[in-house]
Amino acid sequence: MKTIRIDGPIGQGPGEYSARWLRSQLPADGSPIEVKIHSEGGSVFEAFAMFDTIKGYSGRKTATVESMAFSAASLLLCAFDDVAITENGYTMVHAPYFDNEETPKSERQLLASLRERMIGIYSEKTRKPIATISRMVDEETFLDAESSVSLGIVNRVARASSAVMARMPARILARIKAAKPGASATARWNAAVSACGSVSKADKKHPGLRLEMLAEVNKR
């Protein structure tokens, strides 16, 4: 069995993992592959191309999430026959967005289409209702290993080495902690700003959260 590692962001830039690169790694004889994933995600368009490449591969394909498969990287999991996750692993799903302050109508329509397609893929993989997946995507949901299995985006938990969790960036760990049920509005707002890169983007992506945070602060 050939092992392929996706250890970084998804895209076509330097140091990123692309569909073209993935196609170059696949055995010509259709023999089994295992793809080990440790990725924050990246380009949703490239992820769709990689998803189609994996889905169309004739041999048996398995994957292991080593620490994280977030955003676009979590989409790849839906293309495999079998998916494992390490004990300290996490997955994350969220809606696609563009990094610009003003989103033209054409881009909003594209985002809506991408979101609908992603929700359909997640729903088919997990066998969960569209409404359930839609809510999780819009809320940017982090899932630990057991929750990932319960949702159905992965099939089983594999034993992890202690070194795996250490590879996850501190800012990602902070976002996971803030996203847990019961997290304060302030923690969720700080995580949203960290994820989006600016206050204005966080305010657009999470309407009402800033006001919730301010109300929480004023009660102290």
Protein backbone atom coordinates (compact mmCIF):
# COMPACT_ATOMS: atom_id res chain seq x y z
CA MET A 1 0.00 0.00 0.00
CA LYS A 2 1.37 3.41 -0.95
CA THR A 3 1.30 6.14 1.68
CA ILE A 4 0.65 9.73 0.55
CA ARG A 5 0.98 12.66 2.96
CA ILE A 6 -0.95 15.93 2.78
CA ASP A 7 0.94 17.90 5.41
CA GLY A 8 0.01 21.54 4.88
CA PRO A 9 -2.47 23.86 3.17
CA ILE A 10 -4.45 22.99 0.04
CA GLY A 11 -3.86 25.17 -3.02
CA GLN A 12 -1.54 25.83 -5.93
CA GLY A 13 0.96 28.12 -4.20
CA PRO A 14 4.47 27.30 -2.95
CA GLY A 15 4.38 24.63 -0.26
CA GLU A 16 0.71 23.87 -0.89
CA TYR A 17 -0.86 20.60 -1.99
CA SER A 18 -2.73 20.62 -5.29
CA ALA A 19 -4.84 18.23 -7.36
CA ARG A 20 -2.05 18.07 -9.93
CA TRP A 21 0.40 17.03 -7.23
CA LEU A 22 -2.05 14.43 -5.92
CA ARG A 23 -2.55 12.91 -9.36
CA SER A 24 1.22 12.54 -9.70
CA GLN A 25 1.31 10.50 -6.48
CA LEU A 26 -1.33 7.93 -7.41
CA PRO A 27 -0.09 4.48 -8.48
CA ALA A 28 -0.69 3.72 -12.14
CA ASP A 29 -1.76 0.15 -11.35
CA GLY A 30 -4.67 1.12 -9.11
CA SER A 31 -3.14 -0.48 -6.01
CA PRO A 32 -4.38 0.54 -2.54
CA ILE A 33 -3.39 3.92 -1.07
CA GLU A 34 -3.47 5.48 2.37
CA VAL A 35 -3.51 9.28 2.60
CA LYS A 36 -2.37 10.82 5.88
CA ILE A 37 -3.85 14.30 6.35
CA HIS A 38 -2.62 17.14 8.56
CA SER A 39 -4.05 20.30 7.03
CA GLU A 40 -5.80 23.54 8.00
CA GLY A 41 -7.56 23.50 4.63
CA GLY A 42 -7.24 26.12 1.93
CA SER A 43 -8.72 26.58 -1.52
CA VAL A 44 -12.18 25.06 -1.83
CA PHE A 45 -11.79 24.88 -5.61
CA GLU A 46 -8.58 22.88 -5.30
CA ALA A 47 -10.25 20.69 -2.67
CA PHE A 48 -13.08 19.89 -5.07
CA ALA A 49 -10.52 18.89 -7.72
CA MET A 50 -8.68 16.69 -5.19
CA PHE A 51 -11.99 15.21 -4.03
CA ASP A 52 -12.84 14.25 -7.63
CA THR A 53 -9.35 12.77 -8.12
CA ILE A 54 -9.67 10.58 -5.01
CA LYS A 55 -13.26 9.62 -5.77
CA GLY A 56 -12.31 8.56 -9.28
CA TYR A 57 -9.30 6.48 -8.24
CA SER A 58 -9.99 2.82 -9.04
CA GLY A 59 -8.06 1.27 -6.15
CA ARG A 60 -9.02 1.08 -2.51
CA LYS A 61 -8.38 4.38 -0.77
CA THR A 62 -8.16 4.99 2.96
CA ALA A 63 -7.26 8.09 4.94
CA THR A 64 -6.01 8.93 8.41
CA VAL A 65 -6.51 12.35 10.00
CA GLU A 66 -3.32 13.09 11.91
CA SER A 67 -4.13 16.00 14.19
CA MET A 68 -6.40 18.01 11.89
CA ALA A 69 -8.47 18.06 8.73
CA PHE A 70 -10.14 21.47 8.72
CA SER A 71 -12.22 23.38 6.22
CA ALA A 72 -11.38 22.28 2.66
CA ALA A 73 -9.29 19.39 4.00
CA SER A 74 -12.34 17.89 5.73
CA LEU A 75 -14.08 17.79 2.36
CA LEU A 76 -11.44 15.32 1.11
CA LEU A 77 -12.44 12.81 3.79
CA CYS A 78 -15.77 12.27 2.07
CA ALA A 79 -14.06 10.73 -0.98
CA PHE A 80 -12.41 7.79 0.82
CA ASP A 81 -13.62 4.23 1.37
CA ASP A 82 -12.49 4.27 4.99
CA VAL A 83 -11.29 7.11 7.23
CA ALA A 84 -9.51 6.89 10.58
CA ILE A 85 -8.63 9.72 12.97
CA THR A 86 -5.98 9.79 15.67
CA GLU A 87 -7.13 10.04 19.30
CA ASN A 88 -5.98 13.67 19.42
CA GLY A 89 -7.33 14.51 15.97
CA TYR A 90 -9.92 17.12 15.03
CA THR A 91 -12.06 17.87 12.01
CA MET A 92 -13.81 21.14 11.20
CA VAL A 93 -16.50 22.17 8.74
CA HIS A 94 -17.48 25.70 7.77
CA ALA A 95 -19.01 27.67 4.93
CA PRO A 96 -16.78 29.01 2.12
CA TYR A 97 -15.95 32.71 2.02
CA PHE A 98 -13.79 35.17 0.09
CA ASP A 99 -11.13 37.34 1.74
CA ASN A 100 -12.48 40.70 0.64
CA GLU A 101 -14.35 43.42 2.50
CA GLU A 102 -17.16 43.84 -0.05
CA THR A 103 -18.59 40.76 -1.73
CA PRO A 104 -20.18 41.45 -5.15
CA LYS A 105 -23.46 39.78 -6.04
CA SER A 106 -21.74 37.37 -8.44
CA GLU A 107 -19.40 36.20 -5.68
CA ARG A 108 -22.28 35.83 -3.22
CA GLN A 109 -24.05 33.61 -5.74
CA LEU A 110 -20.90 31.54 -6.20
CA LEU A 111 -20.45 31.18 -2.44
CA ALA A 112 -24.06 30.03 -2.11
CA SER A 113 -23.50 27.43 -4.81
CA LEU A 114 -20.26 26.20 -3.22
CA ARG A 115 -21.91 26.03 0.19
CA GLU A 116 -24.81 23.99 -1.18
CA ARG A 117 -22.47 21.55 -2.91
CA MET A 118 -20.29 21.12 0.18
CA ILE A 119 -23.33 20.50 2.39
CA GLY A 120 -24.55 17.88 -0.06
CA ILE A 121 -21.20 16.05 0.03
CA TYR A 122 -21.02 16.12 3.84
CA SER A 123 -24.62 14.97 4.12
CA GLU A 124 -24.06 12.07 1.73
CA LYS A 125 -20.94 10.97 3.61
CA THR A 126 -22.41 11.25 7.10
CA ARG A 127 -26.00 10.29 6.23
CA LYS A 128 -27.12 13.26 8.33
CA PRO A 129 -29.98 15.57 7.22
CA ILE A 130 -29.15 18.60 5.09
CA ALA A 131 -30.53 20.87 7.84
CA THR A 132 -28.13 19.41 10.41
CA ILE A 133 -25.08 19.79 8.19
CA SER A 134 -26.18 23.27 7.10
CA ARG A 135 -26.30 24.45 10.71
CA MET A 136 -22.88 22.95 11.49
CA VAL A 137 -21.31 24.54 8.43
CA ASP A 138 -22.72 27.98 9.20
CA GLU A 139 -21.56 27.80 12.82
CA GLU A 140 -18.00 26.65 11.92
CA THR A 141 -18.04 23.42 13.90
CA PHE A 142 -14.93 21.77 15.38
CA LEU A 143 -15.19 18.06 16.16
CA ASP A 144 -12.82 15.98 18.26
CA ALA A 145 -12.10 12.35 17.34
CA GLU A 146 -15.14 10.83 19.04
CA SER A 147 -17.49 13.54 17.73
CA SER A 148 -16.10 13.05 14.22
CA VAL A 149 -16.95 9.36 14.44
CA SER A 150 -20.41 10.12 15.85
CA LEU A 151 -21.12 12.51 13.00
CA GLY A 152 -19.88 9.95 10.47
CA ILE A 153 -17.26 12.04 8.71
CA VAL A 154 -14.71 9.47 9.89
CA ASN A 155 -15.21 5.78 10.60
CA ARG A 156 -12.95 4.99 13.53
CA VAL A 157 -10.36 6.26 15.98
CA ALA A 158 -6.74 5.16 15.57
CA ARG A 159 -4.01 5.32 18.18
CA ALA A 160 -2.00 8.55 17.97
CA SER A 161 1.62 9.23 18.82
CA SER A 162 2.26 12.00 21.36
CA ALA A 163 4.08 13.98 18.66
CA VAL A 164 0.98 14.42 16.52
CA MET A 165 -0.89 16.88 18.74
CA ALA A 166 2.24 18.96 19.18
CA ARG A 167 2.15 19.74 15.45
CA MET A 168 -1.14 21.64 15.72
CA PRO A 169 -0.58 25.43 15.76
CA ALA A 170 -1.36 27.16 19.07
CA ARG A 171 -3.82 29.54 17.39
CA ILE A 172 -5.79 26.55 16.08
CA LEU A 173 -5.88 24.97 19.53
CA ALA A 174 -7.22 28.25 20.92
CA ARG A 175 -9.99 28.31 18.32
CA ILE A 176 -10.95 24.72 19.15
CA LYS A 177 -11.14 25.53 22.87
CA ALA A 178 -13.27 28.61 22.19
CA ALA A 179 -15.59 26.65 19.91
CA LYS A 180 -16.46 24.04 22.54
CA PRO A 181 -20.03 24.05 23.90
CA GLY A 182 -20.39 26.52 26.75
CA ALA A 183 -17.61 28.82 25.57
CA SER A 184 -18.23 32.46 26.42
CA ALA A 185 -19.30 34.97 23.79
CA THR A 186 -15.98 36.74 24.31
CA ALA A 187 -14.03 33.56 23.63
CA ARG A 188 -16.11 32.81 20.55
CA TRP A 189 -15.68 36.39 19.28
CA ASN A 190 -11.90 36.27 19.77
CA ALA A 191 -11.79 32.94 17.93
CA ALA A 192 -13.86 34.39 15.09
CA VAL A 193 -11.54 37.39 14.72
CA SER A 194 -8.51 35.08 14.75
CA ALA A 195 -10.07 32.85 12.12
CA CYS A 196 -11.23 35.67 9.83
CA GLY A 197 -8.20 37.89 10.22
CA SER A 198 -10.06 41.13 11.02
CA VAL A 199 -12.90 42.50 13.12
CA SER A 200 -14.93 43.57 10.08
CA LYS A 201 -14.70 40.13 8.45
CA ALA A 202 -15.61 38.41 11.70
CA ASP A 203 -18.60 40.72 12.11
CA LYS A 204 -19.84 39.85 8.61
CA LYS A 205 -19.33 36.13 8.97
CA HIS A 206 -20.82 35.93 12.49
CA PRO A 207 -23.62 38.52 12.62
CA GLY A 208 -24.74 39.33 16.14
CA LEU A 209 -21.75 37.75 17.88
CA ARG A 210 -19.97 41.07 18.47
CA LEU A 211 -23.08 42.51 20.12
CA GLU A 212 -23.41 39.37 22.24
CA MET A 213 -19.78 39.74 23.29
CA LEU A 214 -20.25 43.43 24.19
CA ALA A 215 -23.36 42.65 26.23
CA GLU A 216 -21.42 39.95 28.09
CA VAL A 217 -18.55 42.34 28.82
CA ASN A 218 -20.94 45.07 30.08
CA LYS A 219 -22.47 42.65 32.59
CA ARG A 220 -19.14 42.11 34.32
